[in-house]
Amino acid sequence: MKKWLCLFILSPLAYAHSPQLSCKIEAENVLCTGGFSDGSSAFGVEVKVLDYGDKVLHEGRFDKDSRFSFAKPEGEYYVRFDGGSGHQLELDYQDIEE
């Protein structure tokens, strides 16, 4: 009984860990910052920049400061934060701060 009660109480906390992503254009580059809603770092989390045909234009991982920078692509693209199951987030180039 205690095990079920504990699972019931703690299960909403598992959903409180959602990804956050913001990007801004700096000269010829785009700087993205990632993290999670509980304040945890995105260090080591995979990031991909894709065109609308899902061709990978850039890929890497967030650094120790939860940042990822790449050369601004020509044309349409989006940034994908892939923090694992249930923790994926995409940001379209039109939503990136100038």
Protein backbone atom coordinates (compact mmCIF):
# COMPACT_ATOMS: atom_id res chain seq x y z
CA MET A 1 0.00 0.00 0.00
CA LYS A 2 2.78 2.43 0.91
CA LYS A 3 4.50 1.71 -2.40
CA TRP A 4 1.37 2.66 -4.38
CA LEU A 5 0.81 5.78 -2.32
CA CYS A 6 4.39 6.86 -2.91
CA LEU A 7 4.06 6.28 -6.67
CA PHE A 8 0.80 8.20 -6.75
CA ILE A 9 2.31 11.18 -4.93
CA LEU A 10 5.60 11.26 -6.86
CA SER A 11 4.28 10.60 -10.37
CA PRO A 12 3.19 14.23 -11.04
CA LEU A 13 6.73 15.34 -10.18
CA ALA A 14 8.09 13.31 -13.07
CA TYR A 15 6.05 15.41 -15.47
CA ALA A 16 7.33 18.70 -14.00
CA HIS A 17 10.65 18.23 -15.83
CA SER A 18 9.87 19.69 -19.26
CA PRO A 19 12.50 20.95 -21.74
CA GLN A 20 13.08 24.64 -22.40
CA LEU A 21 14.83 26.09 -25.45
CA SER A 22 15.56 29.62 -26.57
CA CYS A 23 17.70 30.79 -29.46
CA LYS A 24 18.86 34.16 -30.71
CA ILE A 25 20.74 35.36 -33.76
CA GLU A 26 24.15 36.88 -33.10
CA ALA A 27 25.76 38.18 -36.31
CA GLU A 28 26.19 35.14 -38.58
CA ASN A 29 25.56 32.60 -35.82
CA VAL A 30 22.62 31.32 -33.80
CA LEU A 31 23.10 30.80 -30.06
CA CYS A 32 20.72 28.40 -28.32
CA THR A 33 20.32 27.88 -24.60
CA GLY A 34 18.59 24.81 -23.21
CA GLY A 35 17.51 23.46 -19.88
CA PHE A 36 14.64 21.93 -17.98
CA SER A 37 11.73 23.51 -16.12
CA ASP A 38 13.06 22.26 -12.79
CA GLY A 39 16.25 24.31 -13.33
CA SER A 40 18.47 21.39 -14.30
CA SER A 41 21.14 21.75 -16.95
CA ALA A 42 20.95 20.55 -20.54
CA PHE A 43 24.68 19.72 -20.53
CA GLY A 44 25.34 16.87 -22.97
CA VAL A 45 21.82 16.87 -24.43
CA GLU A 46 21.69 16.38 -28.20
CA VAL A 47 20.74 19.31 -30.44
CA LYS A 48 20.08 19.14 -34.19
CA VAL A 49 19.41 21.83 -36.76
CA LEU A 50 17.31 20.48 -39.63
CA ASP A 51 15.80 21.81 -42.81
CA TYR A 52 12.13 21.24 -43.58
CA GLY A 53 13.03 18.00 -45.39
CA ASP A 54 14.59 16.75 -42.11
CA LYS A 55 18.13 16.93 -43.53
CA VAL A 56 20.59 17.53 -40.68
CA LEU A 57 22.36 20.87 -41.19
CA HIS A 58 24.20 21.00 -37.84
CA GLU A 59 24.31 18.73 -34.82
CA GLY A 60 26.01 18.63 -31.47
CA ARG A 61 25.39 18.74 -27.75
CA PHE A 62 24.81 21.49 -25.24
CA ASP A 63 28.05 22.54 -23.52
CA LYS A 64 28.64 22.86 -19.76
CA ASP A 65 26.77 26.17 -19.83
CA SER A 66 23.79 24.55 -21.62
CA ARG A 67 24.62 26.45 -24.82
CA PHE A 68 24.94 25.38 -28.45
CA SER A 69 26.03 27.70 -31.26
CA PHE A 70 25.93 27.15 -35.02
CA ALA A 71 26.33 29.09 -38.26
CA LYS A 72 22.98 30.48 -39.36
CA PRO A 73 21.73 28.36 -42.29
CA GLU A 74 20.31 29.83 -45.47
CA GLY A 75 16.61 29.17 -45.92
CA GLU A 76 14.09 27.50 -43.62
CA TYR A 77 15.20 25.39 -40.66
CA TYR A 78 14.31 24.40 -37.13
CA VAL A 79 16.22 23.45 -33.98
CA ARG A 80 15.44 20.18 -32.19
CA PHE A 81 16.27 19.70 -28.49
CA ASP A 82 16.28 15.95 -27.84
CA GLY A 83 16.28 15.29 -24.11
CA GLY A 84 14.94 11.75 -24.49
CA SER A 85 11.48 10.27 -24.33
CA GLY A 86 8.92 12.96 -23.64
CA HIS A 87 11.60 15.64 -23.58
CA GLN A 88 11.78 16.68 -27.22
CA LEU A 89 11.22 20.27 -28.27
CA GLU A 90 11.44 22.03 -31.64
CA LEU A 91 11.93 25.73 -32.38
CA ASP A 92 11.25 27.07 -35.88
CA TYR A 93 13.62 29.65 -37.40
CA GLN A 94 10.75 32.16 -37.53
CA ASP A 95 10.54 32.02 -33.72
CA ILE A 96 14.24 32.74 -33.15
CA GLU A 97 15.00 36.17 -31.69
CA GLU A 98 16.76 38.64 -34.00
